[in-house]
Amino acid sequence: MSMEITFELSDDDLEHFRKVMLTARKKAGNLKESTIIENARKLLHQVSHSGTSDFILERMNRLETLIGMILDTGWGLEEEDRDRVLEALSYFSEPEDLIPDDIPGLGYLDDAIMIEMVCRELKHEIQAYRDFCVYRAAESNRLGQEAMELERTDWLEERRKQLHSRMRRRRHRGKGHGGGSSPFSLF
């Protein structure tokens, strides 16, 4: 039988997690990018073999997305955004986190909370990356190309075309609602 437990983190609790993150970032400051990513992947591997809760597993999937944002050459994350993601991943390079990982049921809870906080902070970057991945998969199916051949610039160009098309459709619909163009229209 399962049981659901919910809790709310206060502003003081969140501030405590922020301080822990800043400390971890400082400690990981000299680590190479590859080491930070390797440490995050080790955590993913440990959690996947731990039999932990769905709550934690769901957050770990988000961690995989963050790693993908860094490693996906087609996405080409800009330097500033890349640094933010790497700083977020640096927490998982800290061997002594808030709750020791070997405590059954709770060991990865602090990691899951930290992932949740990071994902809220990076929500726009994550959503853009997911949109790009969906675009790349759809284009790969449509064009028969290898998905990894498509790049961020292709996606941006496609988004630009979509926005222009939507703008023209809206403009066209707007002309139909009042029997012609606006009396203030210059066109």
N, C-alpha and C. Protein backbone atom coordinates (compact mmCIF):
# COMPACT_ATOMS: atom_id res chain seq x y z
N MET A 1 0.85 -1.18 0.00
CA MET A 1 0.00 0.00 0.00
C MET A 1 0.89 1.24 0.00
N SER A 2 0.57 2.20 -0.85
CA SER A 2 1.36 3.42 -0.90
C SER A 2 0.71 4.51 -0.06
N MET A 3 1.48 5.53 0.25
CA MET A 3 0.98 6.63 1.04
C MET A 3 1.56 7.92 0.44
N GLU A 4 0.73 8.93 0.35
CA GLU A 4 1.18 10.20 -0.17
C GLU A 4 1.41 11.16 0.98
N ILE A 5 2.56 11.82 0.96
CA ILE A 5 2.88 12.82 1.96
C ILE A 5 3.25 14.09 1.21
N THR A 6 2.64 15.18 1.60
CA THR A 6 2.98 16.46 0.98
C THR A 6 3.52 17.39 2.06
N PHE A 7 4.39 18.27 1.63
CA PHE A 7 4.91 19.27 2.55
C PHE A 7 5.21 20.53 1.78
N GLU A 8 5.27 21.61 2.50
CA GLU A 8 5.52 22.91 1.89
C GLU A 8 6.82 23.46 2.44
N LEU A 9 7.64 23.97 1.54
CA LEU A 9 8.89 24.58 1.96
C LEU A 9 8.65 26.08 2.16
N SER A 10 9.03 26.58 3.31
CA SER A 10 8.86 28.00 3.61
C SER A 10 9.93 28.81 2.89
N ASP A 11 9.80 30.10 2.95
CA ASP A 11 10.83 30.97 2.36
C ASP A 11 12.18 30.72 3.03
N ASP A 12 12.17 30.48 4.34
CA ASP A 12 13.42 30.17 5.05
C ASP A 12 14.01 28.85 4.56
N ASP A 13 13.16 27.86 4.34
CA ASP A 13 13.63 26.57 3.81
C ASP A 13 14.27 26.75 2.44
N LEU A 14 13.59 27.51 1.59
CA LEU A 14 14.11 27.74 0.24
C LEU A 14 15.43 28.51 0.29
N GLU A 15 15.52 29.46 1.21
CA GLU A 15 16.76 30.20 1.36
C GLU A 15 17.89 29.27 1.80
N HIS A 16 17.57 28.33 2.66
CA HIS A 16 18.57 27.36 3.09
C HIS A 16 19.06 26.53 1.90
N PHE A 17 18.15 26.08 1.05
CA PHE A 17 18.53 25.32 -0.14
C PHE A 17 19.37 26.19 -1.08
N ARG A 18 19.02 27.48 -1.22
CA ARG A 18 19.81 28.37 -2.06
C ARG A 18 21.25 28.48 -1.55
N LYS A 19 21.39 28.61 -0.24
CA LYS A 19 22.74 28.70 0.35
C LYS A 19 23.52 27.42 0.12
N VAL A 20 22.86 26.29 0.26
CA VAL A 20 23.52 25.00 0.01
C VAL A 20 23.97 24.93 -1.45
N MET A 21 23.13 25.40 -2.36
CA MET A 21 23.47 25.39 -3.78
C MET A 21 24.67 26.30 -4.03
N LEU A 22 24.68 27.47 -3.44
CA LEU A 22 25.81 28.39 -3.64
C LEU A 22 27.10 27.79 -3.11
N THR A 23 27.04 27.12 -1.97
CA THR A 23 28.22 26.46 -1.41
C THR A 23 28.71 25.36 -2.35
N ALA A 24 27.79 24.57 -2.86
CA ALA A 24 28.17 23.49 -3.79
C ALA A 24 28.79 24.07 -5.06
N ARG A 25 28.24 25.17 -5.55
CA ARG A 25 28.80 25.82 -6.75
C ARG A 25 30.23 26.26 -6.51
N LYS A 26 30.47 26.84 -5.35
CA LYS A 26 31.83 27.31 -5.03
C LYS A 26 32.80 26.13 -4.96
N LYS A 27 32.37 25.05 -4.32
CA LYS A 27 33.23 23.87 -4.21
C LYS A 27 33.51 23.25 -5.57
N ALA A 28 32.54 23.31 -6.46
CA ALA A 28 32.69 22.69 -7.78
C ALA A 28 33.29 23.65 -8.79
N GLY A 29 33.63 24.85 -8.36
CA GLY A 29 34.12 25.89 -9.26
C GLY A 29 35.31 25.49 -10.10
N ASN A 30 36.15 24.62 -9.60
CA ASN A 30 37.35 24.22 -10.35
C ASN A 30 37.17 22.93 -11.13
N LEU A 31 35.99 22.35 -11.06
CA LEU A 31 35.75 21.10 -11.78
C LEU A 31 35.55 21.36 -13.26
N LYS A 32 36.00 20.43 -14.06
CA LYS A 32 35.78 20.49 -15.50
C LYS A 32 34.31 20.20 -15.79
N GLU A 33 33.86 20.72 -16.93
CA GLU A 33 32.48 20.46 -17.38
C GLU A 33 32.21 18.96 -17.45
N SER A 34 33.15 18.22 -17.98
CA SER A 34 32.95 16.77 -18.13
C SER A 34 32.80 16.08 -16.77
N THR A 35 33.49 16.55 -15.76
CA THR A 35 33.38 15.96 -14.42
C THR A 35 32.01 16.27 -13.81
N ILE A 36 31.54 17.49 -13.99
CA ILE A 36 30.22 17.87 -13.47
C ILE A 36 29.15 17.00 -14.11
N ILE A 37 29.23 16.82 -15.41
CA ILE A 37 28.24 16.00 -16.12
C ILE A 37 28.36 14.54 -15.69
N GLU A 38 29.58 14.05 -15.56
CA GLU A 38 29.79 12.66 -15.12
C GLU A 38 29.19 12.43 -13.73
N ASN A 39 29.36 13.38 -12.83
CA ASN A 39 28.81 13.25 -11.48
C ASN A 39 27.28 13.25 -11.49
N ALA A 40 26.70 14.08 -12.33
CA ALA A 40 25.23 14.10 -12.45
C ALA A 40 24.74 12.77 -13.02
N ARG A 41 25.45 12.24 -13.99
CA ARG A 41 25.08 10.94 -14.57
C ARG A 41 25.22 9.81 -13.55
N LYS A 42 26.24 9.88 -12.71
CA LYS A 42 26.40 8.87 -11.65
C LYS A 42 25.19 8.87 -10.74
N LEU A 43 24.74 10.07 -10.38
CA LEU A 43 23.55 10.17 -9.54
C LEU A 43 22.36 9.54 -10.24
N LEU A 44 22.18 9.84 -11.51
CA LEU A 44 21.07 9.24 -12.27
C LEU A 44 21.14 7.71 -12.23
N HIS A 45 22.32 7.19 -12.41
CA HIS A 45 22.51 5.73 -12.39
C HIS A 45 22.18 5.16 -11.01
N GLN A 46 22.66 5.80 -9.97
CA GLN A 46 22.39 5.33 -8.61
C GLN A 46 20.89 5.34 -8.32
N VAL A 47 20.23 6.42 -8.68
CA VAL A 47 18.81 6.54 -8.39
C VAL A 47 18.01 5.51 -9.19
N SER A 48 18.39 5.29 -10.43
CA SER A 48 17.63 4.34 -11.26
C SER A 48 17.71 2.91 -10.73
N HIS A 49 18.74 2.61 -9.94
CA HIS A 49 18.90 1.28 -9.37
C HIS A 49 18.54 1.23 -7.88
N SER A 50 17.91 2.27 -7.38
CA SER A 50 17.64 2.34 -5.94
C SER A 50 16.23 1.93 -5.55
N GLY A 51 15.32 1.85 -6.50
CA GLY A 51 13.93 1.53 -6.16
C GLY A 51 13.26 2.66 -5.40
N THR A 52 13.63 3.88 -5.68
CA THR A 52 13.10 5.03 -4.97
C THR A 52 11.71 5.42 -5.47
N SER A 53 11.15 6.46 -4.92
CA SER A 53 9.78 6.88 -5.21
C SER A 53 9.64 7.48 -6.61
N ASP A 54 8.41 7.50 -7.09
CA ASP A 54 8.11 8.10 -8.39
C ASP A 54 8.41 9.59 -8.38
N PHE A 55 8.17 10.25 -7.26
CA PHE A 55 8.45 11.68 -7.12
C PHE A 55 9.92 11.95 -7.46
N ILE A 56 10.80 11.18 -6.89
CA ILE A 56 12.23 11.37 -7.11
C ILE A 56 12.61 10.97 -8.53
N LEU A 57 12.06 9.86 -9.02
CA LEU A 57 12.37 9.43 -10.39
C LEU A 57 11.95 10.47 -11.42
N GLU A 58 10.82 11.10 -11.20
CA GLU A 58 10.35 12.13 -12.13
C GLU A 58 11.32 13.30 -12.17
N ARG A 59 11.84 13.70 -11.03
CA ARG A 59 12.81 14.80 -11.00
C ARG A 59 14.11 14.38 -11.67
N MET A 60 14.49 13.13 -11.51
CA MET A 60 15.72 12.67 -12.14
C MET A 60 15.61 12.71 -13.66
N ASN A 61 14.41 12.50 -14.19
CA ASN A 61 14.21 12.65 -15.64
C ASN A 61 14.49 14.09 -16.07
N ARG A 62 14.15 15.03 -15.21
CA ARG A 62 14.43 16.43 -15.50
C ARG A 62 15.94 16.69 -15.48
N LEU A 63 16.63 16.00 -14.60
CA LEU A 63 18.08 16.12 -14.55
C LEU A 63 18.69 15.65 -15.88
N GLU A 64 18.12 14.59 -16.44
CA GLU A 64 18.58 14.09 -17.74
C GLU A 64 18.38 15.15 -18.82
N THR A 65 17.29 15.90 -18.73
CA THR A 65 17.05 16.98 -19.69
C THR A 65 18.12 18.05 -19.57
N LEU A 66 18.49 18.41 -18.35
CA LEU A 66 19.53 19.42 -18.13
C LEU A 66 20.86 18.97 -18.73
N ILE A 67 21.18 17.71 -18.52
CA ILE A 67 22.41 17.16 -19.10
C ILE A 67 22.34 17.22 -20.63
N GLY A 68 21.19 16.86 -21.17
CA GLY A 68 21.00 16.91 -22.62
C GLY A 68 21.19 18.30 -23.19
N MET A 69 20.74 19.31 -22.46
CA MET A 69 20.89 20.68 -22.93
C MET A 69 22.37 21.04 -23.12
N ILE A 70 23.21 20.50 -22.27
CA ILE A 70 24.65 20.78 -22.36
C ILE A 70 25.30 19.97 -23.48
N LEU A 71 24.96 18.69 -23.59
CA LEU A 71 25.65 17.79 -24.51
C LEU A 71 25.13 17.83 -25.94
N ASP A 72 23.93 18.29 -26.15
CA ASP A 72 23.30 18.28 -27.47
C ASP A 72 23.91 19.37 -28.35
N THR A 73 24.80 18.98 -29.24
CA THR A 73 25.49 19.95 -30.09
C THR A 73 24.53 20.64 -31.06
N GLY A 74 23.46 19.98 -31.43
CA GLY A 74 22.47 20.61 -32.30
C GLY A 74 21.76 21.75 -31.61
N TRP A 75 21.58 21.66 -30.32
CA TRP A 75 20.92 22.71 -29.55
C TRP A 75 21.83 23.92 -29.43
N GLY A 76 23.11 23.70 -29.25
CA GLY A 76 24.06 24.80 -29.23
C GLY A 76 23.75 25.85 -28.18
N LEU A 77 23.65 25.44 -26.95
CA LEU A 77 23.31 26.34 -25.86
C LEU A 77 24.32 27.48 -25.78
N GLU A 78 23.82 28.69 -25.70
CA GLU A 78 24.69 29.85 -25.62
C GLU A 78 25.47 29.84 -24.31
N GLU A 79 26.63 30.48 -24.31
CA GLU A 79 27.57 30.40 -23.18
C GLU A 79 26.94 30.78 -21.84
N GLU A 80 26.22 31.87 -21.80
CA GLU A 80 25.61 32.32 -20.54
C GLU A 80 24.63 31.28 -20.00
N ASP A 81 23.79 30.75 -20.89
CA ASP A 81 22.82 29.74 -20.48
C ASP A 81 23.53 28.44 -20.11
N ARG A 82 24.56 28.11 -20.85
CA ARG A 82 25.35 26.91 -20.57
C ARG A 82 25.95 26.99 -19.17
N ASP A 83 26.48 28.15 -18.82
CA ASP A 83 27.06 28.33 -17.49
C ASP A 83 26.01 28.16 -16.40
N ARG A 84 24.81 28.68 -16.63
CA ARG A 84 23.73 28.55 -15.64
C ARG A 84 23.36 27.08 -15.43
N VAL A 85 23.28 26.32 -16.50
CA VAL A 85 22.94 24.91 -16.39
C VAL A 85 24.06 24.15 -15.68
N LEU A 86 25.29 24.44 -16.05
CA LEU A 86 26.43 23.77 -15.39
C LEU A 86 26.49 24.11 -13.90
N GLU A 87 26.20 25.34 -13.56
CA GLU A 87 26.16 25.72 -12.15
C GLU A 87 25.09 24.93 -11.41
N ALA A 88 23.96 24.72 -12.06
CA ALA A 88 22.89 23.93 -11.45
C ALA A 88 23.33 22.48 -11.27
N LEU A 89 24.00 21.95 -12.27
CA LEU A 89 24.45 20.56 -12.19
C LEU A 89 25.59 20.38 -11.18
N SER A 90 26.27 21.44 -10.85
CA SER A 90 27.41 21.34 -9.95
C SER A 90 27.00 20.85 -8.56
N TYR A 91 25.76 21.07 -8.17
CA TYR A 91 25.28 20.59 -6.87
C TYR A 91 25.48 19.08 -6.75
N PHE A 92 25.34 18.38 -7.84
CA PHE A 92 25.39 16.92 -7.82
C PHE A 92 26.83 16.39 -7.83
N SER A 93 27.78 17.31 -7.79
CA SER A 93 29.18 16.93 -7.64
C SER A 93 29.60 16.95 -6.17
N GLU A 94 28.72 17.45 -5.33
CA GLU A 94 29.01 17.53 -3.90
C GLU A 94 28.68 16.18 -3.25
N PRO A 95 29.70 15.45 -2.78
CA PRO A 95 29.46 14.11 -2.23
C PRO A 95 28.65 14.11 -0.92
N GLU A 96 28.76 15.18 -0.14
CA GLU A 96 28.04 15.24 1.13
C GLU A 96 26.90 16.23 1.00
N ASP A 97 25.75 15.74 0.55
CA ASP A 97 24.61 16.64 0.41
C ASP A 97 23.78 16.62 1.69
N LEU A 98 22.64 17.27 1.67
CA LEU A 98 21.85 17.45 2.88
C LEU A 98 21.39 16.14 3.52
N ILE A 99 20.91 15.23 2.70
CA ILE A 99 20.45 13.92 3.19
C ILE A 99 21.34 12.87 2.55
N PRO A 100 22.02 12.06 3.35
CA PRO A 100 22.89 11.02 2.76
C PRO A 100 22.08 10.12 1.83
N ASP A 101 22.64 9.87 0.65
CA ASP A 101 21.93 9.12 -0.39
C ASP A 101 21.60 7.69 -0.01
N ASP A 102 22.30 7.13 0.97
CA ASP A 102 22.07 5.73 1.32
C ASP A 102 20.92 5.51 2.31
N ILE A 103 20.19 6.56 2.69
CA ILE A 103 19.04 6.40 3.56
C ILE A 103 17.85 5.96 2.70
N PRO A 104 17.33 4.76 2.93
CA PRO A 104 16.23 4.25 2.10
C PRO A 104 15.00 5.17 2.12
N GLY A 105 14.47 5.42 0.93
CA GLY A 105 13.25 6.21 0.80
C GLY A 105 13.45 7.71 0.84
N LEU A 106 14.45 8.18 1.54
CA LEU A 106 14.65 9.62 1.70
C LEU A 106 15.98 10.13 1.15
N GLY A 107 16.89 9.25 0.87
CA GLY A 107 18.25 9.63 0.52
C GLY A 107 18.39 10.58 -0.65
N TYR A 108 17.48 10.51 -1.58
CA TYR A 108 17.58 11.37 -2.77
C TYR A 108 16.57 12.51 -2.73
N LEU A 109 15.89 12.67 -1.61
CA LEU A 109 14.87 13.72 -1.51
C LEU A 109 15.47 15.11 -1.67
N ASP A 110 16.62 15.37 -1.04
CA ASP A 110 17.25 16.68 -1.19
C ASP A 110 17.66 16.93 -2.64
N ASP A 111 18.13 15.89 -3.31
CA ASP A 111 18.50 16.02 -4.73
C ASP A 111 17.27 16.35 -5.57
N ALA A 112 16.16 15.68 -5.28
CA ALA A 112 14.93 15.93 -6.02
C ALA A 112 14.42 17.35 -5.78
N ILE A 113 14.51 17.82 -4.54
CA ILE A 113 14.08 19.19 -4.24
C ILE A 113 14.97 20.18 -4.98
N MET A 114 16.27 19.92 -4.98
CA MET A 114 17.19 20.83 -5.67
C MET A 114 16.90 20.84 -7.18
N ILE A 115 16.61 19.68 -7.75
CA ILE A 115 16.27 19.62 -9.18
C ILE A 115 15.00 20.42 -9.43
N GLU A 116 14.02 20.28 -8.55
CA GLU A 116 12.77 21.04 -8.70
C GLU A 116 13.05 22.53 -8.69
N MET A 117 13.88 22.98 -7.77
CA MET A 117 14.20 24.41 -7.69
C MET A 117 14.94 24.88 -8.94
N VAL A 118 15.90 24.09 -9.39
CA VAL A 118 16.68 24.44 -10.58
C VAL A 118 15.77 24.50 -11.81
N CYS A 119 14.88 23.54 -11.93
CA CYS A 119 13.99 23.50 -13.10
C CYS A 119 13.02 24.68 -13.11
N ARG A 120 12.62 25.12 -11.95
CA ARG A 120 11.77 26.32 -11.91
C ARG A 120 12.56 27.54 -12.35
N GLU A 121 13.82 27.59 -11.95
CA GLU A 121 14.69 28.71 -12.32
C GLU A 121 14.98 28.70 -13.82
N LEU A 122 15.12 27.53 -14.41
CA LEU A 122 15.48 27.38 -15.82
C LEU A 122 14.30 26.96 -16.69
N LYS A 123 13.08 27.24 -16.25
CA LYS A 123 11.91 26.72 -16.96
C LYS A 123 11.83 27.16 -18.41
N HIS A 124 12.23 28.39 -18.70
CA HIS A 124 12.14 28.87 -20.09
C HIS A 124 13.17 28.17 -20.98
N GLU A 125 14.35 27.98 -20.46
CA GLU A 125 15.40 27.28 -21.21
C GLU A 125 15.01 25.83 -21.46
N ILE A 126 14.44 25.19 -20.44
CA ILE A 126 14.02 23.79 -20.55
C ILE A 126 12.90 23.65 -21.57
N GLN A 127 11.92 24.56 -21.51
CA GLN A 127 10.80 24.48 -22.46
C GLN A 127 11.28 24.70 -23.89
N ALA A 128 12.17 25.64 -24.09
CA ALA A 128 12.70 25.87 -25.44
C ALA A 128 13.45 24.64 -25.94
N TYR A 129 14.23 24.02 -25.07
CA TYR A 129 14.97 22.82 -25.48
C TYR A 129 14.01 21.68 -25.82
N ARG A 130 12.98 21.51 -25.01
CA ARG A 130 12.00 20.45 -25.31
C ARG A 130 11.28 20.73 -26.63
N ASP A 131 10.93 21.99 -26.89
CA ASP A 131 10.31 22.35 -28.16
C ASP A 131 11.24 22.02 -29.33
N PHE A 132 12.52 22.31 -29.16
CA PHE A 132 13.50 22.00 -30.18
C PHE A 132 13.58 20.50 -30.43
N CYS A 133 13.58 19.71 -29.37
CA CYS A 133 13.66 18.25 -29.51
C CYS A 133 12.43 17.70 -30.24
N VAL A 134 11.26 18.24 -29.94
CA VAL A 134 10.03 17.82 -30.63
C VAL A 134 10.12 18.20 -32.11
N TYR A 135 10.56 19.42 -32.37
CA TYR A 135 10.73 19.87 -33.76
C TYR A 135 11.69 18.95 -34.51
N ARG A 136 12.83 18.68 -33.88
CA ARG A 136 13.86 17.87 -34.54
C ARG A 136 13.33 16.47 -34.85
N ALA A 137 12.60 15.89 -33.92
CA ALA A 137 12.04 14.55 -34.14
C ALA A 137 11.00 14.57 -35.26
N ALA A 138 10.14 15.59 -35.27
CA ALA A 138 9.10 15.70 -36.31
C ALA A 138 9.74 15.92 -37.68
N GLU A 139 10.72 16.78 -37.75
CA GLU A 139 11.39 17.05 -39.01
C GLU A 139 12.17 15.84 -39.49
N SER A 140 12.73 15.13 -38.58
CA SER A 140 13.47 13.92 -38.94
C SER A 140 12.52 12.91 -39.57
N ASN A 141 11.34 12.75 -38.99
CA ASN A 141 10.34 11.84 -39.56
C ASN A 141 9.83 12.35 -40.90
N ARG A 142 9.60 13.63 -41.00
CA ARG A 142 9.04 14.21 -42.22
C ARG A 142 10.04 14.19 -43.37
N LEU A 143 11.29 14.54 -43.08
CA LEU A 143 12.28 14.66 -44.13
C LEU A 143 13.13 13.41 -44.33
N GLY A 144 13.01 12.49 -43.39
CA GLY A 144 13.82 11.29 -43.48
C GLY A 144 15.28 11.53 -43.14
N GLN A 145 15.57 12.62 -42.50
CA GLN A 145 16.96 12.91 -42.12
C GLN A 145 17.24 12.36 -40.73
N GLU A 146 18.49 12.20 -40.46
CA GLU A 146 18.91 11.83 -39.11
C GLU A 146 18.58 13.01 -38.20
N ALA A 147 17.92 12.77 -37.06
CA ALA A 147 17.47 13.84 -36.18
C ALA A 147 18.60 14.75 -35.72
N MET A 148 19.75 14.21 -35.47
CA MET A 148 20.83 15.02 -34.93
C MET A 148 21.44 15.97 -35.96
N GLU A 149 21.07 15.85 -37.22
CA GLU A 149 21.58 16.75 -38.25
C GLU A 149 20.93 18.13 -38.15
N LEU A 150 19.73 18.18 -37.60
CA LEU A 150 19.03 19.45 -37.48
C LEU A 150 19.59 20.22 -36.30
N GLU A 151 19.70 21.53 -36.46
CA GLU A 151 20.30 22.36 -35.44
C GLU A 151 19.33 23.41 -34.95
N ARG A 152 19.76 24.11 -33.91
CA ARG A 152 18.96 25.16 -33.31
C ARG A 152 18.58 26.23 -34.33
N THR A 153 19.49 26.56 -35.24
CA THR A 153 19.19 27.58 -36.24
C THR A 153 18.05 27.14 -37.14
N ASP A 154 17.98 25.85 -37.46
CA ASP A 154 16.86 25.33 -38.26
C ASP A 154 15.54 25.53 -37.52
N TRP A 155 15.57 25.21 -36.23
CA TRP A 155 14.38 25.35 -35.39
C TRP A 155 13.96 26.81 -35.30
N LEU A 156 14.93 27.71 -35.07
CA LEU A 156 14.61 29.13 -34.97
C LEU A 156 14.01 29.65 -36.27
N GLU A 157 14.55 29.21 -37.39
CA GLU A 157 14.01 29.64 -38.68
C GLU A 157 12.58 29.14 -38.85
N GLU A 158 12.34 27.90 -38.48
CA GLU A 158 10.99 27.34 -38.57
C GLU A 158 10.03 28.08 -37.66
N ARG A 159 10.47 28.41 -36.44
CA ARG A 159 9.62 29.18 -35.51
C ARG A 159 9.31 30.56 -36.10
N ARG A 160 10.31 31.19 -36.70
CA ARG A 160 10.10 32.50 -37.32
C ARG A 160 9.03 32.40 -38.41
N LYS A 161 9.12 31.38 -39.24
CA LYS A 161 8.14 31.18 -40.30
C LYS A 161 6.74 30.95 -39.72
N GLN A 162 6.65 30.17 -38.66
CA GLN A 162 5.36 29.91 -38.03
C GLN A 162 4.75 31.20 -37.47
N LEU A 163 5.57 32.01 -36.82
CA LEU A 163 5.07 33.26 -36.26
C LEU A 163 4.62 34.23 -37.35
N HIS A 164 5.35 34.30 -38.44
CA HIS A 164 4.95 35.16 -39.55
C HIS A 164 3.65 34.67 -40.17
N SER A 165 3.53 33.38 -40.33
CA SER A 165 2.30 32.81 -40.88
C SER A 165 1.11 33.11 -39.97
N ARG A 166 1.30 32.94 -38.69
CA ARG A 166 0.22 33.23 -37.72
C ARG A 166 -0.16 34.70 -37.78
N MET A 167 0.83 35.57 -37.89
CA MET A 167 0.58 37.01 -37.97
C MET A 167 -0.27 37.32 -39.21
N ARG A 168 0.07 36.72 -40.35
CA ARG A 168 -0.69 36.98 -41.58
C ARG A 168 -2.11 36.44 -41.47
N ARG A 169 -2.29 35.26 -40.87
CA ARG A 169 -3.64 34.70 -40.68
C ARG A 169 -4.48 35.61 -39.80
N ARG A 170 -3.92 36.10 -38.74
CA ARG A 170 -4.65 36.98 -37.83
C ARG A 170 -5.01 38.30 -38.53
N ARG A 171 -4.08 38.80 -39.30
CA ARG A 171 -4.34 40.05 -40.03
C ARG A 171 -5.47 39.82 -41.03
N HIS A 172 -5.44 38.68 -41.72
CA HIS A 172 -6.47 38.35 -42.70
C HIS A 172 -7.83 38.20 -42.02
N ARG A 173 -7.86 37.50 -40.89
CA ARG A 173 -9.13 37.33 -40.15
C ARG A 173 -9.63 38.67 -39.65
N GLY A 174 -8.73 39.53 -39.24
CA GLY A 174 -9.12 40.85 -38.73
C GLY A 174 -9.79 41.70 -39.79
N LYS A 175 -9.40 41.54 -41.04
CA LYS A 175 -10.01 42.31 -42.14
C LYS A 175 -11.43 41.84 -42.42
N GLY A 176 -11.71 40.59 -42.09
CA GLY A 176 -13.04 40.03 -42.36
C GLY A 176 -14.08 40.44 -41.34
N HIS A 177 -13.68 40.99 -40.20
CA HIS A 177 -14.63 41.31 -39.13
C HIS A 177 -15.14 42.72 -39.25
N GLY A 178 -15.55 43.32 -39.98
CA GLY A 178 -16.04 44.68 -39.99
C GLY A 178 -16.17 45.17 -41.40
N GLY A 179 -16.15 44.29 -42.32
CA GLY A 179 -16.38 44.68 -43.69
C GLY A 179 -15.22 45.43 -44.33
N GLY A 180 -14.02 45.07 -44.02
CA GLY A 180 -12.89 45.71 -44.68
C GLY A 180 -11.85 46.14 -43.67
N SER A 181 -10.97 46.99 -44.13
CA SER A 181 -9.90 47.41 -43.24
C SER A 181 -10.40 48.50 -42.31
N SER A 182 -9.61 48.73 -41.31
CA SER A 182 -9.91 49.74 -40.30
C SER A 182 -9.94 51.12 -40.96
N PRO A 183 -10.81 52.01 -40.48
CA PRO A 183 -10.80 53.38 -41.03
C PRO A 183 -9.49 54.09 -40.75
N PHE A 184 -8.71 53.58 -39.84
CA PHE A 184 -7.43 54.17 -39.50
C PHE A 184 -6.27 53.52 -40.23
N SER A 185 -6.55 52.52 -41.05
CA SER A 185 -5.51 51.77 -41.72
C SER A 185 -4.82 52.60 -42.78
N LEU A 186 -3.53 52.43 -42.84
CA LEU A 186 -2.75 53.10 -43.88
C LEU A 186 -2.56 52.21 -45.09
N PHE A 187 -3.05 50.97 -45.03
CA PHE A 187 -2.83 50.02 -46.11
C PHE A 187 -4.13 49.57 -46.74
